[in-house]
Amino acid sequence: SCMGQRHVGTYYADSVKGRFTISRDNTKNTVYLQMNSLKPEDTAVYY
């Protein structure tokens, strides 16, 4: 999942659409990935 600069546009891989949500908090200089309805195939190292 990716988000464009200045919050413009998002992209989700087909495998996570409807389950994952990307967001950012510029005041905290932090980006988040909310992952719901996790499946065994989501097992991985996330970067």
All heavy atoms as atom14 arrays in JSON, in Angstrom:
{
  "sequence": "SCMGQRHVGTYYADSVKGRFTISRDNTKNTVYLQMNSLKPEDTAVYY",
  "atom14_mask": [
    [1, 1, 1, 1, 1, 1, 0, 0, 0, 0, 0, 0, 0, 0],
    [1, 1, 1, 1, 1, 1, 0, 0, 0, 0, 0, 0, 0, 0],
    [1, 1, 1, 1, 1, 1, 1, 1, 0, 0, 0, 0, 0, 0],
    [1, 1, 1, 1, 0, 0, 0, 0, 0, 0, 0, 0, 0, 0],
    [1, 1, 1, 1, 1, 1, 1, 1, 1, 0, 0, 0, 0, 0],
    [1, 1, 1, 1, 1, 1, 1, 1, 1, 1, 1, 0, 0, 0],
    [1, 1, 1, 1, 1, 1, 1, 1, 1, 1, 0, 0, 0, 0],
    [1, 1, 1, 1, 1, 1, 1, 0, 0, 0, 0, 0, 0, 0],
    [1, 1, 1, 1, 0, 0, 0, 0, 0, 0, 0, 0, 0, 0],
    [1, 1, 1, 1, 1, 1, 1, 0, 0, 0, 0, 0, 0, 0],
    [1, 1, 1, 1, 1, 1, 1, 1, 1, 1, 1, 1, 0, 0],
    [1, 1, 1, 1, 1, 1, 1, 1, 1, 1, 1, 1, 0, 0],
    [1, 1, 1, 1, 1, 0, 0, 0, 0, 0, 0, 0, 0, 0],
    [1, 1, 1, 1, 1, 1, 1, 1, 0, 0, 0, 0, 0, 0],
    [1, 1, 1, 1, 1, 1, 0, 0, 0, 0, 0, 0, 0, 0],
    [1, 1, 1, 1, 1, 1, 1, 0, 0, 0, 0, 0, 0, 0],
    [1, 1, 1, 1, 1, 1, 1, 1, 1, 0, 0, 0, 0, 0],
    [1, 1, 1, 1, 0, 0, 0, 0, 0, 0, 0, 0, 0, 0],
    [1, 1, 1, 1, 1, 1, 1, 1, 1, 1, 1, 0, 0, 0],
    [1, 1, 1, 1, 1, 1, 1, 1, 1, 1, 1, 0, 0, 0],
    [1, 1, 1, 1, 1, 1, 1, 0, 0, 0, 0, 0, 0, 0],
    [1, 1, 1, 1, 1, 1, 1, 1, 0, 0, 0, 0, 0, 0],
    [1, 1, 1, 1, 1, 1, 0, 0, 0, 0, 0, 0, 0, 0],
    [1, 1, 1, 1, 1, 1, 1, 1, 1, 1, 1, 0, 0, 0],
    [1, 1, 1, 1, 1, 1, 1, 1, 0, 0, 0, 0, 0, 0],
    [1, 1, 1, 1, 1, 1, 1, 1, 0, 0, 0, 0, 0, 0],
    [1, 1, 1, 1, 1, 1, 1, 0, 0, 0, 0, 0, 0, 0],
    [1, 1, 1, 1, 1, 1, 1, 1, 1, 0, 0, 0, 0, 0],
    [1, 1, 1, 1, 1, 1, 1, 1, 0, 0, 0, 0, 0, 0],
    [1, 1, 1, 1, 1, 1, 1, 0, 0, 0, 0, 0, 0, 0],
    [1, 1, 1, 1, 1, 1, 1, 0, 0, 0, 0, 0, 0, 0],
    [1, 1, 1, 1, 1, 1, 1, 1, 1, 1, 1, 1, 0, 0],
    [1, 1, 1, 1, 1, 1, 1, 1, 0, 0, 0, 0, 0, 0],
    [1, 1, 1, 1, 1, 1, 1, 1, 1, 0, 0, 0, 0, 0],
    [1, 1, 1, 1, 1, 1, 1, 1, 0, 0, 0, 0, 0, 0],
    [1, 1, 1, 1, 1, 1, 1, 1, 0, 0, 0, 0, 0, 0],
    [1, 1, 1, 1, 1, 1, 0, 0, 0, 0, 0, 0, 0, 0],
    [1, 1, 1, 1, 1, 1, 1, 1, 0, 0, 0, 0, 0, 0],
    [1, 1, 1, 1, 1, 1, 1, 1, 1, 0, 0, 0, 0, 0],
    [1, 1, 1, 1, 1, 1, 1, 0, 0, 0, 0, 0, 0, 0],
    [1, 1, 1, 1, 1, 1, 1, 1, 1, 0, 0, 0, 0, 0],
    [1, 1, 1, 1, 1, 1, 1, 1, 0, 0, 0, 0, 0, 0],
    [1, 1, 1, 1, 1, 1, 1, 0, 0, 0, 0, 0, 0, 0],
    [1, 1, 1, 1, 1, 0, 0, 0, 0, 0, 0, 0, 0, 0],
    [1, 1, 1, 1, 1, 1, 1, 0, 0, 0, 0, 0, 0, 0],
    [1, 1, 1, 1, 1, 1, 1, 1, 1, 1, 1, 1, 0, 0],
    [1, 1, 1, 1, 1, 1, 1, 1, 1, 1, 1, 1, 0, 0]
  ],
  "atom14_positions": [
    [[0.84, -1.19, 0.0], [0.0, 0.0, 0.0], [0.87, 1.23, 0.0], [1.86, 1.28, 0.73], [-0.9, 0.01, 1.23], [-1.72, 1.17, 1.23], [0.0, 0.0, 0.0], [0.0, 0.0, 0.0], [0.0, 0.0, 0.0], [0.0, 0.0, 0.0], [0.0, 0.0, 0.0], [0.0, 0.0, 0.0], [0.0, 0.0, 0.0], [0.0, 0.0, 0.0]],
    [[0.5, 2.21, -0.79], [1.28, 3.44, -0.91], [0.35, 4.66, -0.99], [-0.81, 4.53, -1.42], [2.19, 3.4, -2.13], [3.47, 2.13, -2.06], [0.0, 0.0, 0.0], [0.0, 0.0, 0.0], [0.0, 0.0, 0.0], [0.0, 0.0, 0.0], [0.0, 0.0, 0.0], [0.0, 0.0, 0.0], [0.0, 0.0, 0.0], [0.0, 0.0, 0.0]],
    [[0.89, 5.78, -0.57], [0.15, 7.04, -0.63], [1.04, 8.08, -1.29], [2.22, 8.19, -0.96], [-0.24, 7.5, 0.78], [-0.97, 8.83, 0.83], [-1.39, 9.31, 2.53], [-2.74, 8.19, 2.88], [0.0, 0.0, 0.0], [0.0, 0.0, 0.0], [0.0, 0.0, 0.0], [0.0, 0.0, 0.0], [0.0, 0.0, 0.0], [0.0, 0.0, 0.0]],
    [[0.47, 8.85, -2.21], [1.24, 9.85, -2.91], [1.61, 11.03, -2.03], [1.08, 11.21, -0.94], [0.0, 0.0, 0.0], [0.0, 0.0, 0.0], [0.0, 0.0, 0.0], [0.0, 0.0, 0.0], [0.0, 0.0, 0.0], [0.0, 0.0, 0.0], [0.0, 0.0, 0.0], [0.0, 0.0, 0.0], [0.0, 0.0, 0.0], [0.0, 0.0, 0.0]],
    [[2.52, 11.86, -2.52], [2.92, 13.04, -1.75], [1.74, 13.96, -1.55], [0.81, 13.97, -2.37], [4.05, 13.77, -2.46], [3.7, 14.27, -3.85], [4.9, 14.86, -4.55], [5.91, 14.2, -4.71], [4.81, 16.1, -4.95], [0.0, 0.0, 0.0], [0.0, 0.0, 0.0], [0.0, 0.0, 0.0], [0.0, 0.0, 0.0], [0.0, 0.0, 0.0]],
    [[1.77, 14.7, -0.47], [0.68, 15.63, -0.09], [-0.65, 14.88, 0.01], [-1.71, 15.44, -0.26], [0.56, 16.77, -1.1], [1.84, 17.53, -1.39], [2.4, 18.18, -0.15], [1.53, 19.16, 0.43], [1.45, 20.44, 0.05], [2.19, 20.87, -0.94], [0.63, 21.27, 0.66], [0.0, 0.0, 0.0], [0.0, 0.0, 0.0], [0.0, 0.0, 0.0]],
    [[-0.63, 13.62, 0.39], [-1.82, 12.8, 0.6], [-2.6, 12.54, -0.7], [-3.74, 12.08, -0.64], [-2.79, 13.45, 1.59], [-2.25, 13.6, 2.97], [-2.92, 13.18, 4.1], [-1.1, 14.15, 3.42], [-2.2, 13.45, 5.16], [-1.09, 14.05, 4.78], [0.0, 0.0, 0.0], [0.0, 0.0, 0.0], [0.0, 0.0, 0.0], [0.0, 0.0, 0.0]],
    [[-2.01, 12.78, -1.84], [-2.74, 12.65, -3.09], [-2.65, 11.22, -3.59], [-1.59, 10.76, -3.98], [-2.18, 13.61, -4.16], [-2.89, 13.39, -5.5], [-2.35, 15.04, -3.71], [0.0, 0.0, 0.0], [0.0, 0.0, 0.0], [0.0, 0.0, 0.0], [0.0, 0.0, 0.0], [0.0, 0.0, 0.0], [0.0, 0.0, 0.0], [0.0, 0.0, 0.0]],
    [[-3.77, 10.52, -3.57], [-3.86, 9.19, -4.15], [-3.35, 8.09, -3.24], [-2.42, 8.29, -2.46], [0.0, 0.0, 0.0], [0.0, 0.0, 0.0], [0.0, 0.0, 0.0], [0.0, 0.0, 0.0], [0.0, 0.0, 0.0], [0.0, 0.0, 0.0], [0.0, 0.0, 0.0], [0.0, 0.0, 0.0], [0.0, 0.0, 0.0], [0.0, 0.0, 0.0]],
    [[-4.0, 6.95, -3.35], [-3.54, 5.75, -2.64], [-3.55, 4.57, -3.6], [-4.26, 4.57, -4.62], [-4.44, 5.4, -1.43], [-5.79, 5.28, -1.89], [-4.36, 6.46, -0.35], [0.0, 0.0, 0.0], [0.0, 0.0, 0.0], [0.0, 0.0, 0.0], [0.0, 0.0, 0.0], [0.0, 0.0, 0.0], [0.0, 0.0, 0.0], [0.0, 0.0, 0.0]],
    [[-2.74, 3.59, -3.25], [-2.65, 2.35, -4.05], [-2.65, 1.18, -3.09], [-1.99, 1.23, -2.04], [-1.38, 2.36, -4.88], [-1.08, 1.02, -5.53], [-1.6, 0.71, -6.79], [-0.3, 0.06, -4.89], [-1.34, -0.51, -7.38], [-0.05, -1.16, -5.47], [-0.56, -1.44, -6.72], [-0.31, -2.65, -7.31], [0.0, 0.0, 0.0], [0.0, 0.0, 0.0]],
    [[-3.4, 0.15, -3.43], [-3.41, -1.07, -2.64], [-3.22, -2.27, -3.58], [-3.83, -2.34, -4.65], [-4.73, -1.24, -1.9], [-4.96, -0.22, -0.81], [-5.66, 0.95, -1.08], [-4.47, -0.42, 0.47], [-5.86, 1.9, -0.09], [-4.67, 0.53, 1.47], [-5.36, 1.69, 1.18], [-5.55, 2.63, 2.16], [0.0, 0.0, 0.0], [0.0, 0.0, 0.0]],
    [[-2.39, -3.19, -3.17], [-2.28, -4.44, -3.9], [-3.62, -5.17, -3.83], [-4.35, -5.05, -2.84], [-1.18, -5.31, -3.29], [0.0, 0.0, 0.0], [0.0, 0.0, 0.0], [0.0, 0.0, 0.0], [0.0, 0.0, 0.0], [0.0, 0.0, 0.0], [0.0, 0.0, 0.0], [0.0, 0.0, 0.0], [0.0, 0.0, 0.0], [0.0, 0.0, 0.0]],
    [[-3.95, -5.9, -4.87], [-5.23, -6.61, -4.91], [-5.4, -7.54, -3.71], [-6.51, -7.71, -3.21], [-5.34, -7.42, -6.2], [-5.55, -6.55, -7.43], [-5.94, -5.38, -7.27], [-5.32, -7.05, -8.55], [0.0, 0.0, 0.0], [0.0, 0.0, 0.0], [0.0, 0.0, 0.0], [0.0, 0.0, 0.0], [0.0, 0.0, 0.0], [0.0, 0.0, 0.0]],
    [[-4.3, -8.08, -3.24], [-4.35, -9.05, -2.15], [-4.78, -8.44, -0.82], [-5.16, -9.17, 0.1], [-2.99, -9.73, -1.99], [-1.98, -8.75, -1.79], [0.0, 0.0, 0.0], [0.0, 0.0, 0.0], [0.0, 0.0, 0.0], [0.0, 0.0, 0.0], [0.0, 0.0, 0.0], [0.0, 0.0, 0.0], [0.0, 0.0, 0.0], [0.0, 0.0, 0.0]],
    [[-4.73, -7.1, -0.7], [-5.06, -6.47, 0.58], [-6.2, -5.47, 0.48], [-6.61, -4.9, 1.5], [-3.82, -5.76, 1.19], [-2.65, -6.74, 1.29], [-3.44, -4.53, 0.4], [0.0, 0.0, 0.0], [0.0, 0.0, 0.0], [0.0, 0.0, 0.0], [0.0, 0.0, 0.0], [0.0, 0.0, 0.0], [0.0, 0.0, 0.0], [0.0, 0.0, 0.0]],
    [[-6.73, -5.26, -0.7], [-7.82, -4.29, -0.88], [-9.0, -4.65, 0.01], [-9.4, -5.81, 0.09], [-8.26, -4.25, -2.34], [-7.37, -3.43, -3.23], [-7.9, -3.42, -4.67], [-6.98, -2.61, -5.57], [-7.41, -2.67, -6.99], [0.0, 0.0, 0.0], [0.0, 0.0, 0.0], [0.0, 0.0, 0.0], [0.0, 0.0, 0.0], [0.0, 0.0, 0.0]],
    [[-9.54, -3.63, 0.68], [-10.67, -3.83, 1.56], [-10.29, -4.3, 2.96], [-11.15, -4.33, 3.85], [0.0, 0.0, 0.0], [0.0, 0.0, 0.0], [0.0, 0.0, 0.0], [0.0, 0.0, 0.0], [0.0, 0.0, 0.0], [0.0, 0.0, 0.0], [0.0, 0.0, 0.0], [0.0, 0.0, 0.0], [0.0, 0.0, 0.0], [0.0, 0.0, 0.0]],
    [[-9.03, -4.64, 3.17], [-8.59, -5.12, 4.48], [-7.55, -4.2, 5.11], [-7.51, -4.06, 6.33], [-8.0, -6.54, 4.36], [-8.97, -7.56, 3.81], [-8.39, -8.97, 3.9], [-7.16, -9.14, 3.11], [-5.99, -9.51, 3.62], [-5.87, -9.75, 4.92], [-4.94, -9.66, 2.83], [0.0, 0.0, 0.0], [0.0, 0.0, 0.0], [0.0, 0.0, 0.0]],
    [[-6.7, -3.59, 4.3], [-5.62, -2.74, 4.8], [-5.93, -1.29, 4.48], [-6.53, -0.97, 3.45], [-4.29, -3.11, 4.15], [-3.7, -4.42, 4.57], [-4.43, -5.36, 5.29], [-2.39, -4.73, 4.23], [-3.88, -6.57, 5.67], [-1.82, -5.93, 4.61], [-2.57, -6.85, 5.32], [0.0, 0.0, 0.0], [0.0, 0.0, 0.0], [0.0, 0.0, 0.0]],
    [[-5.49, -0.4, 5.37], [-5.66, 1.04, 5.16], [-4.38, 1.77, 5.52], [-3.86, 1.6, 6.63], [-6.81, 1.6, 6.01], [-8.02, 0.9, 5.71], [-7.02, 3.08, 5.71], [0.0, 0.0, 0.0], [0.0, 0.0, 0.0], [0.0, 0.0, 0.0], [0.0, 0.0, 0.0], [0.0, 0.0, 0.0], [0.0, 0.0, 0.0], [0.0, 0.0, 0.0]],
    [[-3.89, 2.57, 4.6], [-2.7, 3.37, 4.86], [-3.13, 4.77, 5.27], [-4.12, 5.31, 4.77], [-1.78, 3.42, 3.61], [-0.45, 4.08, 3.95], [-2.47, 4.12, 2.44], [0.58, 3.97, 2.82], [0.0, 0.0, 0.0], [0.0, 0.0, 0.0], [0.0, 0.0, 0.0], [0.0, 0.0, 0.0], [0.0, 0.0, 0.0], [0.0, 0.0, 0.0]],
    [[-2.39, 5.34, 6.21], [-2.67, 6.71, 6.63], [-1.37, 7.35, 7.08], [-0.36, 6.67, 7.27], [-3.71, 6.74, 7.76], [-3.22, 6.06, 8.91], [0.0, 0.0, 0.0], [0.0, 0.0, 0.0], [0.0, 0.0, 0.0], [0.0, 0.0, 0.0], [0.0, 0.0, 0.0], [0.0, 0.0, 0.0], [0.0, 0.0, 0.0], [0.0, 0.0, 0.0]],
    [[-1.41, 8.66, 7.23], [-0.2, 9.37, 7.68], [-0.61, 10.48, 8.62], [-1.69, 11.05, 8.48], [0.6, 9.9, 6.49], [-0.12, 11.01, 5.72], [0.44, 11.17, 4.31], [1.82, 11.6, 4.3], [2.55, 11.69, 3.18], [2.01, 11.33, 2.02], [3.79, 12.09, 3.22], [0.0, 0.0, 0.0], [0.0, 0.0, 0.0], [0.0, 0.0, 0.0]],
    [[0.25, 10.78, 9.56], [0.07, 11.9, 10.48], [1.31, 12.76, 10.36], [2.36, 12.43, 10.93], [-0.13, 11.39, 11.91], [-0.44, 12.51, 12.89], [-0.15, 13.68, 12.59], [-0.96, 12.21, 13.97], [0.0, 0.0, 0.0], [0.0, 0.0, 0.0], [0.0, 0.0, 0.0], [0.0, 0.0, 0.0], [0.0, 0.0, 0.0], [0.0, 0.0, 0.0]],
    [[1.18, 13.84, 9.62], [2.36, 14.68, 9.38], [2.81, 15.39, 10.66], [3.99, 15.73, 10.78], [2.07, 15.7, 8.28], [2.04, 15.05, 6.9], [2.56, 13.95, 6.71], [1.42, 15.73, 5.95], [0.0, 0.0, 0.0], [0.0, 0.0, 0.0], [0.0, 0.0, 0.0], [0.0, 0.0, 0.0], [0.0, 0.0, 0.0], [0.0, 0.0, 0.0]],
    [[1.92, 15.59, 11.61], [2.32, 16.25, 12.86], [3.25, 15.35, 13.66], [4.07, 15.82, 14.44], [1.1, 16.62, 13.71], [0.43, 15.42, 14.12], [0.13, 17.5, 12.94], [0.0, 0.0, 0.0], [0.0, 0.0, 0.0], [0.0, 0.0, 0.0], [0.0, 0.0, 0.0], [0.0, 0.0, 0.0], [0.0, 0.0, 0.0], [0.0, 0.0, 0.0]],
    [[3.1, 14.02, 13.46], [3.96, 13.07, 14.15], [5.04, 12.51, 13.22], [5.84, 11.67, 13.63], [3.13, 11.93, 14.72], [2.15, 12.36, 15.79], [1.37, 11.18, 16.34], [0.41, 11.62, 17.44], [-0.38, 10.49, 17.98], [0.0, 0.0, 0.0], [0.0, 0.0, 0.0], [0.0, 0.0, 0.0], [0.0, 0.0, 0.0], [0.0, 0.0, 0.0]],
    [[5.0, 12.95, 11.96], [5.97, 12.45, 10.96], [5.95, 10.93, 10.9], [7.01, 10.28, 10.88], [7.38, 12.97, 11.28], [8.16, 13.31, 10.04], [7.59, 13.64, 8.99], [9.48, 13.25, 10.14], [0.0, 0.0, 0.0], [0.0, 0.0, 0.0], [0.0, 0.0, 0.0], [0.0, 0.0, 0.0], [0.0, 0.0, 0.0], [0.0, 0.0, 0.0]],
    [[4.75, 10.38, 10.89], [4.57, 8.94, 10.99], [3.52, 8.47, 9.97], [2.54, 9.17, 9.71], [4.11, 8.56, 12.41], [5.13, 8.94, 13.34], [3.88, 7.05, 12.53], [0.0, 0.0, 0.0], [0.0, 0.0, 0.0], [0.0, 0.0, 0.0], [0.0, 0.0, 0.0], [0.0, 0.0, 0.0], [0.0, 0.0, 0.0], [0.0, 0.0, 0.0]],
    [[3.74, 7.29, 9.44], [2.79, 6.65, 8.54], [2.34, 5.34, 9.19], [3.11, 4.7, 9.9], [3.4, 6.41, 7.15], [4.64, 5.54, 7.22], [2.39, 5.8, 6.2], [0.0, 0.0, 0.0], [0.0, 0.0, 0.0], [0.0, 0.0, 0.0], [0.0, 0.0, 0.0], [0.0, 0.0, 0.0], [0.0, 0.0, 0.0], [0.0, 0.0, 0.0]],
    [[1.09, 4.98, 8.95], [0.5, 3.8, 9.57], [-0.04, 2.85, 8.51], [-0.37, 3.26, 7.4], [-0.65, 4.21, 10.5], [-0.27, 5.2, 11.55], [-0.49, 6.57, 11.38], [0.34, 4.79, 12.74], [-0.14, 7.49, 12.35], [0.7, 5.71, 13.72], [0.46, 7.05, 13.51], [0.83, 7.96, 14.48], [0.0, 0.0, 0.0], [0.0, 0.0, 0.0]],
    [[-0.15, 1.59, 8.9], [-0.83, 0.6, 8.08], [-1.75, -0.19, 9.0], [-1.28, -0.96, 9.83], [0.15, -0.34, 7.38], [-0.51, -1.34, 6.42], [-1.09, -0.6, 5.21], [0.49, -2.38, 5.94], [0.0, 0.0, 0.0], [0.0, 0.0, 0.0], [0.0, 0.0, 0.0], [0.0, 0.0, 0.0], [0.0, 0.0, 0.0], [0.0, 0.0, 0.0]],
    [[-3.05, 0.05, 8.88], [-4.04, -0.69, 9.64], [-4.37, -1.95, 8.86], [-4.8, -1.87, 7.7], [-5.3, 0.15, 9.85], [-6.41, -0.57, 10.6], [-6.04, -0.9, 12.04], [-5.47, -0.05, 12.74], [-6.35, -2.1, 12.49], [0.0, 0.0, 0.0], [0.0, 0.0, 0.0], [0.0, 0.0, 0.0], [0.0, 0.0, 0.0], [0.0, 0.0, 0.0]],
    [[-4.17, -3.1, 9.48], [-4.38, -4.38, 8.82], [-5.49, -5.13, 9.55], [-5.33, -5.47, 10.72], [-3.08, -5.19, 8.82], [-1.9, -4.44, 8.23], [-0.42, -5.47, 8.05], [-0.07, -5.83, 9.76], [0.0, 0.0, 0.0], [0.0, 0.0, 0.0], [0.0, 0.0, 0.0], [0.0, 0.0, 0.0], [0.0, 0.0, 0.0], [0.0, 0.0, 0.0]],
    [[-6.58, -5.36, 8.86], [-7.72, -6.09, 9.42], [-7.93, -7.4, 8.67], [-7.4, -7.59, 7.57], [-8.98, -5.24, 9.34], [-8.88, -3.94, 10.11], [-8.21, -3.88, 11.15], [-9.53, -2.91, 9.62], [0.0, 0.0, 0.0], [0.0, 0.0, 0.0], [0.0, 0.0, 0.0], [0.0, 0.0, 0.0], [0.0, 0.0, 0.0], [0.0, 0.0, 0.0]],
    [[-8.7, -8.29, 9.27], [-9.03, -9.58, 8.64], [-7.77, -10.27, 8.13], [-7.71, -10.74, 6.98], [-10.03, -9.37, 7.5], [-11.21, -8.75, 7.97], [0.0, 0.0, 0.0], [0.0, 0.0, 0.0], [0.0, 0.0, 0.0], [0.0, 0.0, 0.0], [0.0, 0.0, 0.0], [0.0, 0.0, 0.0], [0.0, 0.0, 0.0], [0.0, 0.0, 0.0]],
    [[-6.77, -10.33, 8.98], [-5.48, -10.88, 8.56], [-5.58, -12.36, 8.22], [-6.36, -13.11, 8.84], [-4.44, -10.64, 9.64], [-3.91, -9.21, 9.69], [-3.24, -8.9, 11.02], [-2.94, -8.97, 8.54], [0.0, 0.0, 0.0], [0.0, 0.0, 0.0], [0.0, 0.0, 0.0], [0.0, 0.0, 0.0], [0.0, 0.0, 0.0], [0.0, 0.0, 0.0]],
    [[-4.79, -12.75, 7.23], [-4.75, -14.13, 6.75], [-3.35, -14.69, 6.91], [-2.38, -13.91, 6.93], [-5.14, -14.16, 5.27], [-6.48, -13.53, 4.95], [-6.72, -13.5, 3.45], [-8.04, -12.84, 3.1], [-8.26, -12.8, 1.63], [0.0, 0.0, 0.0], [0.0, 0.0, 0.0], [0.0, 0.0, 0.0], [0.0, 0.0, 0.0], [0.0, 0.0, 0.0]],
    [[-3.21, -15.98, 6.97], [-1.85, -16.56, 7.06], [-0.94, -16.1, 5.93], [0.26, -15.93, 6.15], [-2.13, -18.07, 6.99], [-3.48, -18.23, 7.59], [-4.25, -17.02, 7.12], [0.0, 0.0, 0.0], [0.0, 0.0, 0.0], [0.0, 0.0, 0.0], [0.0, 0.0, 0.0], [0.0, 0.0, 0.0], [0.0, 0.0, 0.0], [0.0, 0.0, 0.0]],
    [[-1.49, -15.86, 4.76], [-0.66, -15.42, 3.64], [-0.18, -13.98, 3.77], [0.61, -13.51, 2.96], [-1.4, -15.6, 2.3], [-2.8, -15.02, 2.26], [-3.87, -16.05, 2.55], [-3.69, -16.87, 3.48], [-4.9, -16.02, 1.86], [0.0, 0.0, 0.0], [0.0, 0.0, 0.0], [0.0, 0.0, 0.0], [0.0, 0.0, 0.0], [0.0, 0.0, 0.0]],
    [[-0.65, -13.27, 4.79], [-0.13, -11.93, 5.07], [1.17, -11.99, 5.88], [1.81, -10.95, 6.1], [-1.16, -11.11, 5.85], [-2.4, -10.8, 5.05], [-2.28, -10.49, 3.85], [-3.51, -10.9, 5.62], [0.0, 0.0, 0.0], [0.0, 0.0, 0.0], [0.0, 0.0, 0.0], [0.0, 0.0, 0.0], [0.0, 0.0, 0.0], [0.0, 0.0, 0.0]],
    [[1.56, -13.18, 6.31], [2.79, -13.33, 7.08], [3.99, -12.91, 6.25], [4.19, -13.39, 5.14], [2.95, -14.79, 7.52], [1.89, -15.13, 8.42], [4.29, -15.01, 8.22], [0.0, 0.0, 0.0], [0.0, 0.0, 0.0], [0.0, 0.0, 0.0], [0.0, 0.0, 0.0], [0.0, 0.0, 0.0], [0.0, 0.0, 0.0], [0.0, 0.0, 0.0]],
    [[4.76, -11.98, 6.79], [5.92, -11.44, 6.07], [6.62, -10.43, 6.96], [6.1, -10.04, 8.02], [5.47, -10.75, 4.77], [0.0, 0.0, 0.0], [0.0, 0.0, 0.0], [0.0, 0.0, 0.0], [0.0, 0.0, 0.0], [0.0, 0.0, 0.0], [0.0, 0.0, 0.0], [0.0, 0.0, 0.0], [0.0, 0.0, 0.0], [0.0, 0.0, 0.0]],
    [[7.79, -10.0, 6.51], [8.42, -8.82, 7.11], [7.9, -7.61, 6.34], [7.94, -7.58, 5.11], [9.95, -8.89, 7.02], [10.57, -7.62, 7.61], [10.47, -10.12, 7.75], [0.0, 0.0, 0.0], [0.0, 0.0, 0.0], [0.0, 0.0, 0.0], [0.0, 0.0, 0.0], [0.0, 0.0, 0.0], [0.0, 0.0, 0.0], [0.0, 0.0, 0.0]],
    [[7.41, -6.63, 7.09], [6.84, -5.43, 6.5], [7.82, -4.27, 6.64], [8.37, -4.04, 7.73], [5.51, -5.09, 7.17], [4.38, -5.98, 6.72], [4.32, -7.32, 7.12], [3.37, -5.5, 5.89], [3.3, -8.15, 6.69], [2.34, -6.33, 5.46], [2.31, -7.65, 5.86], [1.3, -8.47, 5.44], [0.0, 0.0, 0.0], [0.0, 0.0, 0.0]],
    [[8.01, -3.56, 5.55], [8.93, -2.44, 5.51], [8.18, -1.18, 5.05], [7.25, -1.27, 4.26], [10.05, -2.68, 4.5], [10.86, -3.93, 4.72], [10.46, -5.16, 4.18], [12.05, -3.88, 5.44], [11.22, -6.29, 4.37], [12.81, -5.03, 5.64], [12.39, -6.22, 5.1], [13.15, -7.35, 5.29], [0.0, 0.0, 0.0], [0.0, 0.0, 0.0]]
  ]
}
